[in-house]
């Protein structure tokens, strides 16, 4: 028996965010991030089993937590950080804060040529919000990263 890799083609990849209140989360993502709801499916109790949202060129899914899929708070938080490149990091952070997000790291100019910070949305998901403020080469970013550790 040989271990031959199977040729795979990825057709689509998106994050599936499990939240305690799907309808409220969709409203938050609409108001704070300009999300557009593409589709929504609910169970007999009205809870969201799947909703698909478009954020610019990206897509995320949202669903209500249940006994199989827990929300981050029931796990002590989320180790996953959603990285969102935007045209105005300060404005997006402010919109998220108005909707109930909290600051993990404030928006500031970063050594790697981005202005950004990290926020936790009201449902326990982490978002790194950033915008490019300098066009740097990978070598320049590495030099600045090295300098930041000395």
C-alpha atoms as a PDB file:
ATOM      1  CA  UNK A   1       0.000   0.000   0.000  1.00  0.00           C
ATOM      2  CA  UNK A   2       1.343   3.417  -0.949  1.00  0.00           C
ATOM      3  CA  UNK A   3       0.478   6.812   0.402  1.00  0.00           C
ATOM      4  CA  UNK A   4      -0.302   8.709  -2.765  1.00  0.00           C
ATOM      5  CA  UNK A   5      -1.711  12.200  -2.277  1.00  0.00           C
ATOM      6  CA  UNK A   6      -5.162  12.685  -3.725  1.00  0.00           C
ATOM      7  CA  UNK A   7      -5.412  15.618  -6.099  1.00  0.00           C
ATOM      8  CA  UNK A   8      -7.894  18.046  -4.560  1.00  0.00           C
ATOM      9  CA  UNK A   9      -9.455  21.182  -5.889  1.00  0.00           C
ATOM     10  CA  UNK A  10     -10.738  23.700  -3.365  1.00  0.00           C
ATOM     11  CA  UNK A  11     -13.874  25.314  -4.724  1.00  0.00           C
ATOM     12  CA  UNK A  12     -14.609  27.651  -1.827  1.00  0.00           C
ATOM     13  CA  UNK A  13     -13.473  28.366   1.717  1.00  0.00           C
ATOM     14  CA  UNK A  14     -15.317  30.451   4.268  1.00  0.00           C
ATOM     15  CA  UNK A  15     -15.442  30.830   8.024  1.00  0.00           C
ATOM     16  CA  UNK A  16     -18.533  29.523   9.797  1.00  0.00           C
ATOM     17  CA  UNK A  17     -19.146  31.643  12.890  1.00  0.00           C
ATOM     18  CA  UNK A  18     -21.182  29.997  15.626  1.00  0.00           C
ATOM     19  CA  UNK A  19     -22.968  32.580  17.779  1.00  0.00           C
ATOM     20  CA  UNK A  20     -25.491  32.587  20.632  1.00  0.00           C
ATOM     21  CA  UNK A  21     -27.946  34.804  18.692  1.00  0.00           C
ATOM     22  CA  UNK A  22     -27.676  34.469  14.917  1.00  0.00           C
ATOM     23  CA  UNK A  23     -30.234  37.122  14.006  1.00  0.00           C
ATOM     24  CA  UNK A  24     -28.542  39.675  16.264  1.00  0.00           C
ATOM     25  CA  UNK A  25     -25.117  38.698  14.878  1.00  0.00           C
ATOM     26  CA  UNK A  26     -26.295  39.212  11.301  1.00  0.00           C
ATOM     27  CA  UNK A  27     -27.637  42.652  12.255  1.00  0.00           C
ATOM     28  CA  UNK A  28     -24.276  43.477  13.881  1.00  0.00           C
ATOM     29  CA  UNK A  29     -22.252  42.345  10.832  1.00  0.00           C
ATOM     30  CA  UNK A  30     -24.549  44.361   8.544  1.00  0.00           C
ATOM     31  CA  UNK A  31     -24.246  47.554  10.593  1.00  0.00           C
ATOM     32  CA  UNK A  32     -20.573  47.292  11.549  1.00  0.00           C
ATOM     33  CA  UNK A  33     -19.052  45.640   8.483  1.00  0.00           C
ATOM     34  CA  UNK A  34     -21.537  46.364   5.703  1.00  0.00           C
ATOM     35  CA  UNK A  35     -22.362  42.674   5.298  1.00  0.00           C
ATOM     36  CA  UNK A  36     -25.003  41.626   2.794  1.00  0.00           C
ATOM     37  CA  UNK A  37     -27.119  38.600   3.639  1.00  0.00           C
ATOM     38  CA  UNK A  38     -27.079  36.128   0.749  1.00  0.00           C
ATOM     39  CA  UNK A  39     -29.094  33.290   2.248  1.00  0.00           C
ATOM     40  CA  UNK A  40     -30.652  32.174   5.535  1.00  0.00           C
ATOM     41  CA  UNK A  41     -32.083  28.833   6.637  1.00  0.00           C
ATOM     42  CA  UNK A  42     -33.799  28.226   9.942  1.00  0.00           C
ATOM     43  CA  UNK A  43     -34.926  25.221  11.912  1.00  0.00           C
ATOM     44  CA  UNK A  44     -38.514  24.682  13.109  1.00  0.00           C
ATOM     45  CA  UNK A  45     -37.747  26.742  16.225  1.00  0.00           C
ATOM     46  CA  UNK A  46     -36.621  29.718  14.099  1.00  0.00           C
ATOM     47  CA  UNK A  47     -32.973  29.360  15.058  1.00  0.00           C
ATOM     48  CA  UNK A  48     -30.494  29.931  12.246  1.00  0.00           C
ATOM     49  CA  UNK A  49     -28.916  26.709  11.008  1.00  0.00           C
ATOM     50  CA  UNK A  50     -27.036  28.501   8.214  1.00  0.00           C
ATOM     51  CA  UNK A  51     -26.810  32.044   6.922  1.00  0.00           C
ATOM     52  CA  UNK A  52     -24.330  33.251   4.332  1.00  0.00           C
ATOM     53  CA  UNK A  53     -23.090  36.846   4.357  1.00  0.00           C
ATOM     54  CA  UNK A  54     -20.945  38.733   1.857  1.00  0.00           C
ATOM     55  CA  UNK A  55     -18.384  41.212   3.193  1.00  0.00           C
ATOM     56  CA  UNK A  56     -16.846  42.876   0.163  1.00  0.00           C
ATOM     57  CA  UNK A  57     -15.180  40.052  -1.741  1.00  0.00           C
ATOM     58  CA  UNK A  58     -15.337  37.643   1.206  1.00  0.00           C
ATOM     59  CA  UNK A  59     -18.079  35.338   2.453  1.00  0.00           C
ATOM     60  CA  UNK A  60     -18.766  34.127   5.996  1.00  0.00           C
ATOM     61  CA  UNK A  61     -21.446  31.876   7.408  1.00  0.00           C
ATOM     62  CA  UNK A  62     -23.309  32.391  10.670  1.00  0.00           C
ATOM     63  CA  UNK A  63     -25.311  29.897  12.700  1.00  0.00           C
ATOM     64  CA  UNK A  64     -26.897  29.718  16.117  1.00  0.00           C
ATOM     65  CA  UNK A  65     -25.022  27.694  18.705  1.00  0.00           C
ATOM     66  CA  UNK A  66     -26.450  24.334  19.681  1.00  0.00           C
ATOM     67  CA  UNK A  67     -25.403  21.160  21.508  1.00  0.00           C
ATOM     68  CA  UNK A  68     -23.134  20.146  18.611  1.00  0.00           C
ATOM     69  CA  UNK A  69     -21.660  23.543  17.664  1.00  0.00           C
ATOM     70  CA  UNK A  70     -20.790  25.721  20.674  1.00  0.00           C
ATOM     71  CA  UNK A  71     -20.250  29.490  20.595  1.00  0.00           C
ATOM     72  CA  UNK A  72     -16.824  30.827  21.668  1.00  0.00           C
ATOM     73  CA  UNK A  73     -17.963  31.949  25.138  1.00  0.00           C
ATOM     74  CA  UNK A  74     -18.867  28.391  26.115  1.00  0.00           C
ATOM     75  CA  UNK A  75     -15.332  27.314  25.165  1.00  0.00           C
ATOM     76  CA  UNK A  76     -13.554  30.125  27.010  1.00  0.00           C
ATOM     77  CA  UNK A  77     -12.990  32.163  23.846  1.00  0.00           C
ATOM     78  CA  UNK A  78     -11.890  31.644  20.266  1.00  0.00           C
ATOM     79  CA  UNK A  79      -8.330  30.982  19.082  1.00  0.00           C
ATOM     80  CA  UNK A  80      -9.257  32.033  15.529  1.00  0.00           C
ATOM     81  CA  UNK A  81      -8.715  35.600  14.339  1.00  0.00           C
ATOM     82  CA  UNK A  82     -10.578  36.866  11.273  1.00  0.00           C
ATOM     83  CA  UNK A  83      -8.285  39.249   9.340  1.00  0.00           C
ATOM     84  CA  UNK A  84     -10.235  41.949   7.542  1.00  0.00           C
ATOM     85  CA  UNK A  85      -8.489  44.372   5.165  1.00  0.00           C
ATOM     86  CA  UNK A  86     -10.510  47.576   4.874  1.00  0.00           C
ATOM     87  CA  UNK A  87     -10.172  51.048   3.417  1.00  0.00           C
ATOM     88  CA  UNK A  88     -10.540  52.816   6.816  1.00  0.00           C
ATOM     89  CA  UNK A  89      -9.585  50.762   9.882  1.00  0.00           C
ATOM     90  CA  UNK A  90     -10.567  53.529  12.316  1.00  0.00           C
ATOM     91  CA  UNK A  91     -14.077  53.860  10.863  1.00  0.00           C
ATOM     92  CA  UNK A  92     -14.680  50.087  10.874  1.00  0.00           C
ATOM     93  CA  UNK A  93     -13.399  49.793  14.448  1.00  0.00           C
ATOM     94  CA  UNK A  94     -15.684  52.637  15.539  1.00  0.00           C
ATOM     95  CA  UNK A  95     -18.687  50.992  13.859  1.00  0.00           C
ATOM     96  CA  UNK A  96     -17.874  47.706  15.585  1.00  0.00           C
ATOM     97  CA  UNK A  97     -17.515  49.444  18.956  1.00  0.00           C
ATOM     98  CA  UNK A  98     -20.882  51.182  18.508  1.00  0.00           C
ATOM     99  CA  UNK A  99     -22.384  47.733  17.929  1.00  0.00           C
ATOM    100  CA  UNK A 100     -20.955  46.301  21.139  1.00  0.00           C
ATOM    101  CA  UNK A 101     -17.482  45.060  20.178  1.00  0.00           C
ATOM    102  CA  UNK A 102     -14.580  45.451  22.611  1.00  0.00           C
ATOM    103  CA  UNK A 103     -10.963  46.429  21.972  1.00  0.00           C
ATOM    104  CA  UNK A 104      -8.333  43.720  22.294  1.00  0.00           C
ATOM    105  CA  UNK A 105      -5.583  45.892  20.729  1.00  0.00           C
ATOM    106  CA  UNK A 106      -6.373  49.493  19.762  1.00  0.00           C
ATOM    107  CA  UNK A 107      -6.102  50.615  16.141  1.00  0.00           C
ATOM    108  CA  UNK A 108      -2.657  52.113  15.603  1.00  0.00           C
ATOM    109  CA  UNK A 109       0.071  52.337  12.966  1.00  0.00           C
ATOM    110  CA  UNK A 110       1.947  49.026  12.845  1.00  0.00           C
ATOM    111  CA  UNK A 111       5.590  48.392  11.905  1.00  0.00           C
ATOM    112  CA  UNK A 112       4.573  46.163   8.987  1.00  0.00           C
ATOM    113  CA  UNK A 113       2.927  49.005   7.040  1.00  0.00           C
ATOM    114  CA  UNK A 114      -0.638  48.575   8.268  1.00  0.00           C
ATOM    115  CA  UNK A 115      -2.880  50.676  10.459  1.00  0.00           C
ATOM    116  CA  UNK A 116      -4.894  48.234  12.461  1.00  0.00           C
ATOM    117  CA  UNK A 117      -6.009  46.670  15.681  1.00  0.00           C
ATOM    118  CA  UNK A 118      -7.943  43.739  17.058  1.00  0.00           C
ATOM    119  CA  UNK A 119     -11.511  43.700  18.341  1.00  0.00           C
ATOM    120  CA  UNK A 120     -13.778  41.053  19.810  1.00  0.00           C
ATOM    121  CA  UNK A 121     -17.304  41.174  18.459  1.00  0.00           C
ATOM    122  CA  UNK A 122     -20.240  40.812  20.895  1.00  0.00           C
ATOM    123  CA  UNK A 123     -20.411  37.079  20.062  1.00  0.00           C
ATOM    124  CA  UNK A 124     -16.829  36.200  21.004  1.00  0.00           C
ATOM    125  CA  UNK A 125     -15.215  36.198  17.560  1.00  0.00           C
ATOM    126  CA  UNK A 126     -11.929  38.046  17.081  1.00  0.00           C
ATOM    127  CA  UNK A 127     -11.327  40.442  14.188  1.00  0.00           C
ATOM    128  CA  UNK A 128      -8.044  41.993  13.087  1.00  0.00           C
ATOM    129  CA  UNK A 129      -9.035  45.147  11.225  1.00  0.00           C
ATOM    130  CA  UNK A 130      -6.326  46.718   9.087  1.00  0.00           C
ATOM    131  CA  UNK A 131      -5.602  49.014   6.187  1.00  0.00           C
ATOM    132  CA  UNK A 132      -2.378  49.449   4.229  1.00  0.00           C
ATOM    133  CA  UNK A 133      -0.588  52.714   4.958  1.00  0.00           C
ATOM    134  CA  UNK A 134       2.835  51.824   3.487  1.00  0.00           C
ATOM    135  CA  UNK A 135       3.782  49.573   0.596  1.00  0.00           C
ATOM    136  CA  UNK A 136       6.688  47.559   1.967  1.00  0.00           C
ATOM    137  CA  UNK A 137       8.672  44.693   0.538  1.00  0.00           C
ATOM    138  CA  UNK A 138       8.786  41.407   2.468  1.00  0.00           C
ATOM    139  CA  UNK A 139      12.419  42.200   3.309  1.00  0.00           C
ATOM    140  CA  UNK A 140      11.464  45.585   4.809  1.00  0.00           C
ATOM    141  CA  UNK A 141       8.706  43.976   6.867  1.00  0.00           C
ATOM    142  CA  UNK A 142      11.125  41.329   8.165  1.00  0.00           C
ATOM    143  CA  UNK A 143      13.723  44.008   9.061  1.00  0.00           C
ATOM    144  CA  UNK A 144      11.097  45.977  10.985  1.00  0.00           C
ATOM    145  CA  UNK A 145       9.811  42.805  12.647  1.00  0.00           C
ATOM    146  CA  UNK A 146      13.354  41.903  13.739  1.00  0.00           C
ATOM    147  CA  UNK A 147      13.833  45.436  15.122  1.00  0.00           C
ATOM    148  CA  UNK A 148      10.549  45.243  17.052  1.00  0.00           C
ATOM    149  CA  UNK A 149      11.887  42.261  19.043  1.00  0.00           C
ATOM    150  CA  UNK A 150      15.155  43.933  20.094  1.00  0.00           C
END
